[in-house]
Amino acid sequence: MVDKAVVADADVDEIPRLLLRIARTQEKAWCEALRKAIPNARRKYNLPLPAYTDEDYRQLSRGYLSVFEETVLKTGTTRRDAYIGSVVEGLAKGGIPYTYVVHVAVGSQAGLMVGWVAEVPDEQRPAAVEWLMAYFADYVADMIHTGIRLAARA
């Protein structure tokens, strides 16, 4: 007899693993999403546009991919905590508001989600959208909590 809980867990893991396979092929799309999200947020907050190089965008996207992999593979939160902490703290030290960081995260993730979901087979798209919505919401909440903790220490 098949344990329905084991089958359900396998189905639950299938969508994030599919999204991870897609994400691993999307470095260029990640960089492009950041190239659009950063200027949008900079204009909104009246901040100068940083002179990011292609390598800077690649590093940001590779860091984010590492965090995404950690979540999908359920290996803890070490990378996520370090990545979010370093990004939020680094920008805060430069006088960049926490809301800017959230603006960039939401903007780039929205762009990524559209591209990733387009690669998902039609019958799995609703589940992929639902999983990504939860993942991105958790990620942004973690960014906000990090900003609140840093502000409280200051």
N, C-alpha and C. Protein backbone atom coordinates (compact mmCIF):
# COMPACT_ATOMS: atom_id res chain seq x y z
N MET A 1 0.84 -1.18 0.00
CA MET A 1 0.00 0.00 0.00
C MET A 1 0.88 1.24 0.00
N VAL A 2 0.53 2.24 -0.80
CA VAL A 2 1.30 3.47 -0.93
C VAL A 2 0.85 4.45 0.16
N ASP A 3 1.83 5.02 0.85
CA ASP A 3 1.55 6.03 1.87
C ASP A 3 1.22 7.34 1.17
N LYS A 4 -0.02 7.81 1.33
CA LYS A 4 -0.47 9.04 0.65
C LYS A 4 0.33 10.26 1.08
N ALA A 5 0.79 10.29 2.33
CA ALA A 5 1.58 11.42 2.81
C ALA A 5 2.92 11.49 2.07
N VAL A 6 3.53 10.33 1.80
CA VAL A 6 4.80 10.30 1.07
C VAL A 6 4.59 10.76 -0.36
N VAL A 7 3.51 10.31 -0.99
CA VAL A 7 3.20 10.74 -2.36
C VAL A 7 2.94 12.23 -2.38
N ALA A 8 2.19 12.74 -1.42
CA ALA A 8 1.89 14.18 -1.37
C ALA A 8 3.17 14.98 -1.19
N ASP A 9 4.09 14.53 -0.33
CA ASP A 9 5.37 15.22 -0.15
C ASP A 9 6.17 15.23 -1.44
N ALA A 10 6.17 14.13 -2.18
CA ALA A 10 6.89 14.07 -3.45
C ALA A 10 6.31 15.08 -4.43
N ASP A 11 4.98 15.19 -4.48
CA ASP A 11 4.34 16.15 -5.36
C ASP A 11 4.69 17.58 -4.96
N VAL A 12 4.72 17.84 -3.65
CA VAL A 12 5.04 19.17 -3.15
C VAL A 12 6.46 19.55 -3.54
N ASP A 13 7.38 18.61 -3.47
CA ASP A 13 8.78 18.88 -3.81
C ASP A 13 9.01 19.01 -5.31
N GLU A 14 8.12 18.46 -6.12
CA GLU A 14 8.31 18.47 -7.57
C GLU A 14 8.31 19.90 -8.14
N ILE A 15 7.40 20.73 -7.71
CA ILE A 15 7.28 22.09 -8.25
C ILE A 15 8.53 22.92 -7.92
N PRO A 16 8.96 23.00 -6.64
CA PRO A 16 10.16 23.81 -6.37
C PRO A 16 11.39 23.28 -7.10
N ARG A 17 11.52 21.98 -7.22
CA ARG A 17 12.68 21.43 -7.93
C ARG A 17 12.64 21.78 -9.42
N LEU A 18 11.45 21.75 -10.00
CA LEU A 18 11.30 22.19 -11.39
C LEU A 18 11.69 23.65 -11.52
N LEU A 19 11.22 24.48 -10.59
CA LEU A 19 11.57 25.90 -10.62
C LEU A 19 13.07 26.11 -10.44
N LEU A 20 13.70 25.31 -9.62
CA LEU A 20 15.15 25.41 -9.44
C LEU A 20 15.88 25.06 -10.74
N ARG A 21 15.44 24.02 -11.40
CA ARG A 21 16.07 23.68 -12.69
C ARG A 21 15.94 24.84 -13.67
N ILE A 22 14.78 25.46 -13.69
CA ILE A 22 14.57 26.62 -14.57
C ILE A 22 15.46 27.78 -14.13
N ALA A 23 15.47 28.07 -12.83
CA ALA A 23 16.25 29.19 -12.30
C ALA A 23 17.73 29.06 -12.63
N ARG A 24 18.24 27.86 -12.60
CA ARG A 24 19.66 27.63 -12.87
C ARG A 24 20.04 27.98 -14.31
N THR A 25 19.06 28.05 -15.19
CA THR A 25 19.34 28.39 -16.60
C THR A 25 19.05 29.85 -16.91
N GLN A 26 18.70 30.63 -15.89
CA GLN A 26 18.17 31.97 -16.12
C GLN A 26 19.07 33.11 -15.63
N GLU A 27 20.38 32.89 -15.52
CA GLU A 27 21.24 33.96 -14.99
C GLU A 27 21.09 35.27 -15.76
N LYS A 28 21.02 35.19 -17.06
CA LYS A 28 20.86 36.40 -17.86
C LYS A 28 19.55 37.11 -17.52
N ALA A 29 18.48 36.35 -17.35
CA ALA A 29 17.18 36.94 -16.99
C ALA A 29 17.24 37.56 -15.59
N TRP A 30 17.96 36.92 -14.68
CA TRP A 30 18.11 37.47 -13.32
C TRP A 30 18.80 38.82 -13.40
N CYS A 31 19.87 38.87 -14.17
CA CYS A 31 20.61 40.13 -14.31
C CYS A 31 19.73 41.20 -14.93
N GLU A 32 18.96 40.85 -15.94
CA GLU A 32 18.08 41.82 -16.59
C GLU A 32 16.99 42.31 -15.66
N ALA A 33 16.45 41.41 -14.84
CA ALA A 33 15.43 41.83 -13.87
C ALA A 33 16.02 42.85 -12.89
N LEU A 34 17.25 42.61 -12.45
CA LEU A 34 17.91 43.55 -11.55
C LEU A 34 18.22 44.87 -12.25
N ARG A 35 18.63 44.78 -13.52
CA ARG A 35 18.93 46.00 -14.28
C ARG A 35 17.71 46.91 -14.42
N LYS A 36 16.54 46.31 -14.39
CA LYS A 36 15.30 47.10 -14.48
C LYS A 36 14.82 47.53 -13.10
N ALA A 37 14.89 46.63 -12.14
CA ALA A 37 14.36 46.91 -10.80
C ALA A 37 15.18 47.98 -10.07
N ILE A 38 16.49 47.94 -10.21
CA ILE A 38 17.34 48.89 -9.49
C ILE A 38 17.10 50.33 -9.95
N PRO A 39 17.12 50.62 -11.24
CA PRO A 39 16.83 52.01 -11.66
C PRO A 39 15.42 52.47 -11.28
N ASN A 40 14.45 51.55 -11.35
CA ASN A 40 13.08 51.93 -10.96
C ASN A 40 13.05 52.37 -9.50
N ALA A 41 13.70 51.60 -8.64
CA ALA A 41 13.73 51.93 -7.21
C ALA A 41 14.57 53.19 -6.96
N ARG A 42 15.67 53.32 -7.69
CA ARG A 42 16.52 54.50 -7.50
C ARG A 42 15.76 55.78 -7.84
N ARG A 43 14.99 55.74 -8.93
CA ARG A 43 14.18 56.91 -9.30
C ARG A 43 13.13 57.19 -8.23
N LYS A 44 12.46 56.16 -7.76
CA LYS A 44 11.41 56.33 -6.75
C LYS A 44 11.96 56.98 -5.49
N TYR A 45 13.16 56.59 -5.09
CA TYR A 45 13.75 57.11 -3.85
C TYR A 45 14.75 58.24 -4.09
N ASN A 46 14.77 58.73 -5.33
CA ASN A 46 15.63 59.84 -5.69
C ASN A 46 17.10 59.58 -5.30
N LEU A 47 17.56 58.40 -5.66
CA LEU A 47 18.94 58.00 -5.36
C LEU A 47 19.73 57.94 -6.66
N PRO A 48 21.02 58.24 -6.61
CA PRO A 48 21.83 58.12 -7.83
C PRO A 48 21.93 56.65 -8.25
N LEU A 49 22.04 56.45 -9.53
CA LEU A 49 22.16 55.10 -10.07
C LEU A 49 23.60 54.61 -9.87
N PRO A 50 23.77 53.46 -9.23
CA PRO A 50 25.13 52.96 -9.02
C PRO A 50 25.74 52.52 -10.35
N ALA A 51 27.05 52.57 -10.41
CA ALA A 51 27.77 52.16 -11.63
C ALA A 51 28.06 50.66 -11.56
N TYR A 52 26.99 49.86 -11.54
CA TYR A 52 27.16 48.41 -11.47
C TYR A 52 27.69 47.88 -12.80
N THR A 53 28.59 46.94 -12.69
CA THR A 53 29.11 46.26 -13.88
C THR A 53 28.31 44.98 -14.11
N ASP A 54 28.54 44.36 -15.25
CA ASP A 54 27.90 43.08 -15.52
C ASP A 54 28.25 42.07 -14.43
N GLU A 55 29.49 42.11 -13.96
CA GLU A 55 29.91 41.18 -12.90
C GLU A 55 29.17 41.45 -11.60
N ASP A 56 28.90 42.70 -11.29
CA ASP A 56 28.13 43.03 -10.09
C ASP A 56 26.73 42.39 -10.16
N TYR A 57 26.09 42.52 -11.30
CA TYR A 57 24.77 41.91 -11.47
C TYR A 57 24.85 40.39 -11.39
N ARG A 58 25.89 39.82 -11.98
CA ARG A 58 26.06 38.37 -11.91
C ARG A 58 26.25 37.92 -10.46
N GLN A 59 27.04 38.64 -9.69
CA GLN A 59 27.25 38.28 -8.28
C GLN A 59 25.95 38.35 -7.50
N LEU A 60 25.18 39.40 -7.71
CA LEU A 60 23.89 39.51 -7.03
C LEU A 60 22.97 38.35 -7.40
N SER A 61 22.91 38.04 -8.69
CA SER A 61 22.02 36.98 -9.13
C SER A 61 22.51 35.61 -8.66
N ARG A 62 23.81 35.40 -8.63
CA ARG A 62 24.35 34.12 -8.14
C ARG A 62 24.10 33.96 -6.64
N GLY A 63 24.21 35.05 -5.91
CA GLY A 63 23.90 35.00 -4.48
C GLY A 63 22.44 34.65 -4.26
N TYR A 64 21.58 35.27 -5.04
CA TYR A 64 20.16 34.99 -4.92
C TYR A 64 19.85 33.55 -5.30
N LEU A 65 20.49 33.04 -6.36
CA LEU A 65 20.30 31.65 -6.76
C LEU A 65 20.72 30.71 -5.64
N SER A 66 21.82 31.02 -4.99
CA SER A 66 22.30 30.20 -3.88
C SER A 66 21.26 30.14 -2.76
N VAL A 67 20.64 31.27 -2.47
CA VAL A 67 19.59 31.33 -1.46
C VAL A 67 18.37 30.51 -1.91
N PHE A 68 18.02 30.65 -3.16
CA PHE A 68 16.88 29.90 -3.71
C PHE A 68 17.14 28.40 -3.65
N GLU A 69 18.35 27.98 -4.02
CA GLU A 69 18.72 26.56 -3.96
C GLU A 69 18.60 26.03 -2.53
N GLU A 70 19.10 26.81 -1.59
CA GLU A 70 19.06 26.39 -0.19
C GLU A 70 17.62 26.13 0.26
N THR A 71 16.71 27.00 -0.16
CA THR A 71 15.30 26.83 0.20
C THR A 71 14.70 25.60 -0.45
N VAL A 72 14.92 25.46 -1.75
CA VAL A 72 14.34 24.33 -2.47
C VAL A 72 14.90 23.01 -1.95
N LEU A 73 16.19 22.96 -1.69
CA LEU A 73 16.83 21.72 -1.24
C LEU A 73 16.67 21.49 0.27
N LYS A 74 16.05 22.45 0.95
CA LYS A 74 15.76 22.35 2.38
C LYS A 74 17.01 22.06 3.21
N THR A 75 18.05 22.88 2.95
CA THR A 75 19.32 22.68 3.65
C THR A 75 19.55 23.71 4.74
N GLY A 76 18.51 24.42 5.14
CA GLY A 76 18.63 25.40 6.21
C GLY A 76 18.43 26.81 5.70
N THR A 77 18.93 27.78 6.50
CA THR A 77 18.78 29.19 6.14
C THR A 77 20.09 29.97 6.25
N THR A 78 21.20 29.27 6.36
CA THR A 78 22.48 29.94 6.54
C THR A 78 22.79 30.92 5.42
N ARG A 79 22.66 30.47 4.18
CA ARG A 79 22.94 31.35 3.03
C ARG A 79 21.95 32.50 2.98
N ARG A 80 20.70 32.19 3.20
CA ARG A 80 19.65 33.21 3.15
C ARG A 80 19.91 34.30 4.19
N ASP A 81 20.18 33.88 5.42
CA ASP A 81 20.44 34.84 6.49
C ASP A 81 21.66 35.70 6.16
N ALA A 82 22.72 35.07 5.67
CA ALA A 82 23.94 35.81 5.35
C ALA A 82 23.73 36.75 4.17
N TYR A 83 23.05 36.28 3.14
CA TYR A 83 22.84 37.09 1.94
C TYR A 83 21.96 38.30 2.25
N ILE A 84 20.81 38.03 2.86
CA ILE A 84 19.90 39.12 3.18
C ILE A 84 20.57 40.09 4.15
N GLY A 85 21.22 39.55 5.18
CA GLY A 85 21.89 40.40 6.15
C GLY A 85 22.94 41.29 5.53
N SER A 86 23.76 40.72 4.64
CA SER A 86 24.83 41.52 4.05
C SER A 86 24.29 42.57 3.08
N VAL A 87 23.28 42.22 2.30
CA VAL A 87 22.70 43.17 1.36
C VAL A 87 22.02 44.31 2.11
N VAL A 88 21.17 43.97 3.06
CA VAL A 88 20.42 45.01 3.79
C VAL A 88 21.38 45.87 4.61
N GLU A 89 22.29 45.23 5.32
CA GLU A 89 23.21 46.00 6.15
C GLU A 89 24.14 46.87 5.31
N GLY A 90 24.64 46.32 4.21
CA GLY A 90 25.54 47.08 3.34
C GLY A 90 24.88 48.32 2.77
N LEU A 91 23.67 48.18 2.31
CA LEU A 91 22.95 49.33 1.76
C LEU A 91 22.59 50.32 2.85
N ALA A 92 22.20 49.82 4.01
CA ALA A 92 21.85 50.72 5.12
C ALA A 92 23.06 51.55 5.54
N LYS A 93 24.23 50.93 5.55
CA LYS A 93 25.44 51.67 5.91
C LYS A 93 25.72 52.78 4.90
N GLY A 94 25.26 52.59 3.68
CA GLY A 94 25.43 53.61 2.65
C GLY A 94 24.29 54.62 2.64
N GLY A 95 23.42 54.56 3.63
CA GLY A 95 22.32 55.51 3.72
C GLY A 95 21.12 55.19 2.86
N ILE A 96 21.05 53.97 2.34
CA ILE A 96 19.94 53.56 1.49
C ILE A 96 18.79 53.07 2.38
N PRO A 97 17.57 53.57 2.19
CA PRO A 97 16.45 53.15 3.05
C PRO A 97 16.08 51.68 2.83
N TYR A 98 15.59 51.06 3.89
CA TYR A 98 15.17 49.65 3.80
C TYR A 98 14.07 49.47 2.78
N THR A 99 13.21 50.45 2.66
CA THR A 99 12.12 50.33 1.71
C THR A 99 12.64 50.23 0.27
N TYR A 100 13.79 50.84 0.00
CA TYR A 100 14.41 50.72 -1.33
C TYR A 100 14.77 49.26 -1.59
N VAL A 101 15.37 48.61 -0.59
CA VAL A 101 15.80 47.21 -0.74
C VAL A 101 14.59 46.33 -1.04
N VAL A 102 13.50 46.57 -0.33
CA VAL A 102 12.28 45.80 -0.56
C VAL A 102 11.74 46.09 -1.96
N HIS A 103 11.78 47.33 -2.38
CA HIS A 103 11.30 47.72 -3.71
C HIS A 103 12.06 46.96 -4.80
N VAL A 104 13.37 46.90 -4.67
CA VAL A 104 14.19 46.18 -5.65
C VAL A 104 13.86 44.69 -5.62
N ALA A 105 13.75 44.13 -4.43
CA ALA A 105 13.46 42.69 -4.31
C ALA A 105 12.12 42.34 -4.96
N VAL A 106 11.10 43.11 -4.65
CA VAL A 106 9.78 42.82 -5.21
C VAL A 106 9.78 43.02 -6.72
N GLY A 107 10.38 44.10 -7.18
CA GLY A 107 10.42 44.35 -8.62
C GLY A 107 11.16 43.28 -9.39
N SER A 108 12.32 42.89 -8.89
CA SER A 108 13.10 41.86 -9.61
C SER A 108 12.42 40.51 -9.52
N GLN A 109 11.83 40.19 -8.37
CA GLN A 109 11.17 38.90 -8.23
C GLN A 109 9.92 38.81 -9.11
N ALA A 110 9.21 39.90 -9.26
CA ALA A 110 8.05 39.89 -10.15
C ALA A 110 8.49 39.58 -11.57
N GLY A 111 9.59 40.20 -11.99
CA GLY A 111 10.12 39.93 -13.32
C GLY A 111 10.57 38.50 -13.49
N LEU A 112 11.22 37.97 -12.46
CA LEU A 112 11.68 36.58 -12.52
C LEU A 112 10.50 35.62 -12.58
N MET A 113 9.50 35.88 -11.78
CA MET A 113 8.36 34.97 -11.70
C MET A 113 7.69 34.79 -13.05
N VAL A 114 7.53 35.88 -13.76
CA VAL A 114 6.89 35.81 -15.08
C VAL A 114 7.69 34.90 -16.01
N GLY A 115 9.00 35.09 -16.02
CA GLY A 115 9.85 34.29 -16.89
C GLY A 115 9.89 32.82 -16.50
N TRP A 116 10.01 32.58 -15.21
CA TRP A 116 10.07 31.18 -14.75
C TRP A 116 8.76 30.45 -15.03
N VAL A 117 7.65 31.07 -14.71
CA VAL A 117 6.36 30.42 -14.89
C VAL A 117 6.11 30.12 -16.38
N ALA A 118 6.61 30.96 -17.26
CA ALA A 118 6.45 30.70 -18.70
C ALA A 118 7.13 29.40 -19.12
N GLU A 119 8.14 28.97 -18.35
CA GLU A 119 8.87 27.74 -18.66
C GLU A 119 8.23 26.49 -18.05
N VAL A 120 7.24 26.67 -17.19
CA VAL A 120 6.58 25.56 -16.50
C VAL A 120 5.47 25.01 -17.39
N PRO A 121 5.36 23.68 -17.47
CA PRO A 121 4.24 23.11 -18.25
C PRO A 121 2.90 23.65 -17.76
N ASP A 122 1.99 23.83 -18.70
CA ASP A 122 0.69 24.46 -18.40
C ASP A 122 -0.01 23.88 -17.17
N GLU A 123 -0.03 22.56 -17.07
CA GLU A 123 -0.78 21.93 -15.98
C GLU A 123 -0.15 22.16 -14.60
N GLN A 124 1.13 22.57 -14.57
CA GLN A 124 1.81 22.80 -13.30
C GLN A 124 1.92 24.30 -12.96
N ARG A 125 1.50 25.15 -13.85
CA ARG A 125 1.64 26.60 -13.62
C ARG A 125 0.92 27.11 -12.38
N PRO A 126 -0.33 26.75 -12.16
CA PRO A 126 -0.98 27.26 -10.94
C PRO A 126 -0.21 26.90 -9.66
N ALA A 127 0.27 25.69 -9.57
CA ALA A 127 1.04 25.27 -8.39
C ALA A 127 2.37 26.01 -8.32
N ALA A 128 2.99 26.25 -9.47
CA ALA A 128 4.26 26.99 -9.49
C ALA A 128 4.06 28.43 -9.05
N VAL A 129 3.00 29.06 -9.52
CA VAL A 129 2.70 30.43 -9.11
C VAL A 129 2.47 30.49 -7.61
N GLU A 130 1.68 29.55 -7.10
CA GLU A 130 1.39 29.53 -5.65
C GLU A 130 2.68 29.34 -4.84
N TRP A 131 3.54 28.44 -5.27
CA TRP A 131 4.78 28.20 -4.53
C TRP A 131 5.68 29.44 -4.57
N LEU A 132 5.81 30.04 -5.75
CA LEU A 132 6.64 31.24 -5.87
C LEU A 132 6.08 32.41 -5.06
N MET A 133 4.77 32.55 -5.04
CA MET A 133 4.17 33.62 -4.23
C MET A 133 4.57 33.47 -2.77
N ALA A 134 4.48 32.26 -2.26
CA ALA A 134 4.83 32.01 -0.85
C ALA A 134 6.33 32.23 -0.63
N TYR A 135 7.14 31.75 -1.56
CA TYR A 135 8.60 31.91 -1.42
C TYR A 135 8.98 33.39 -1.41
N PHE A 136 8.51 34.13 -2.39
CA PHE A 136 8.87 35.54 -2.50
C PHE A 136 8.33 36.34 -1.31
N ALA A 137 7.13 36.02 -0.85
CA ALA A 137 6.58 36.72 0.31
C ALA A 137 7.44 36.46 1.54
N ASP A 138 7.85 35.22 1.74
CA ASP A 138 8.73 34.89 2.87
C ASP A 138 10.07 35.62 2.76
N TYR A 139 10.61 35.66 1.56
CA TYR A 139 11.90 36.31 1.33
C TYR A 139 11.81 37.81 1.67
N VAL A 140 10.79 38.46 1.18
CA VAL A 140 10.62 39.89 1.44
C VAL A 140 10.36 40.14 2.93
N ALA A 141 9.57 39.29 3.55
CA ALA A 141 9.33 39.43 5.00
C ALA A 141 10.65 39.31 5.76
N ASP A 142 11.51 38.38 5.35
CA ASP A 142 12.82 38.23 6.00
C ASP A 142 13.66 39.49 5.82
N MET A 143 13.58 40.11 4.65
CA MET A 143 14.31 41.35 4.42
C MET A 143 13.81 42.45 5.35
N ILE A 144 12.51 42.54 5.49
CA ILE A 144 11.92 43.57 6.35
C ILE A 144 12.33 43.32 7.80
N HIS A 145 12.26 42.09 8.23
CA HIS A 145 12.65 41.76 9.61
C HIS A 145 14.13 42.08 9.85
N THR A 146 14.96 41.83 8.87
CA THR A 146 16.39 42.16 8.99
C THR A 146 16.56 43.67 9.14
N GLY A 147 15.86 44.43 8.34
CA GLY A 147 15.92 45.89 8.44
C GLY A 147 15.45 46.39 9.79
N ILE A 148 14.38 45.80 10.30
CA ILE A 148 13.87 46.20 11.62
C ILE A 148 14.91 45.90 12.70
N ARG A 149 15.52 44.73 12.63
CA ARG A 149 16.54 44.36 13.63
C ARG A 149 17.74 45.31 13.55
N LEU A 150 18.18 45.63 12.35
CA LEU A 150 19.32 46.54 12.19
C LEU A 150 18.98 47.93 12.71
N ALA A 151 17.78 48.39 12.41
CA ALA A 151 17.35 49.71 12.88
C ALA A 151 17.30 49.75 14.41
N ALA A 152 16.85 48.67 15.01
CA ALA A 152 16.75 48.62 16.47
C ALA A 152 18.13 48.65 17.11
N ARG A 153 19.12 48.07 16.45
CA ARG A 153 20.49 48.07 16.98
C ARG A 153 21.15 49.43 16.85
N ALA A 154 20.73 50.21 15.86
CA ALA A 154 21.37 51.51 15.58
C ALA A 154 21.03 52.56 16.61
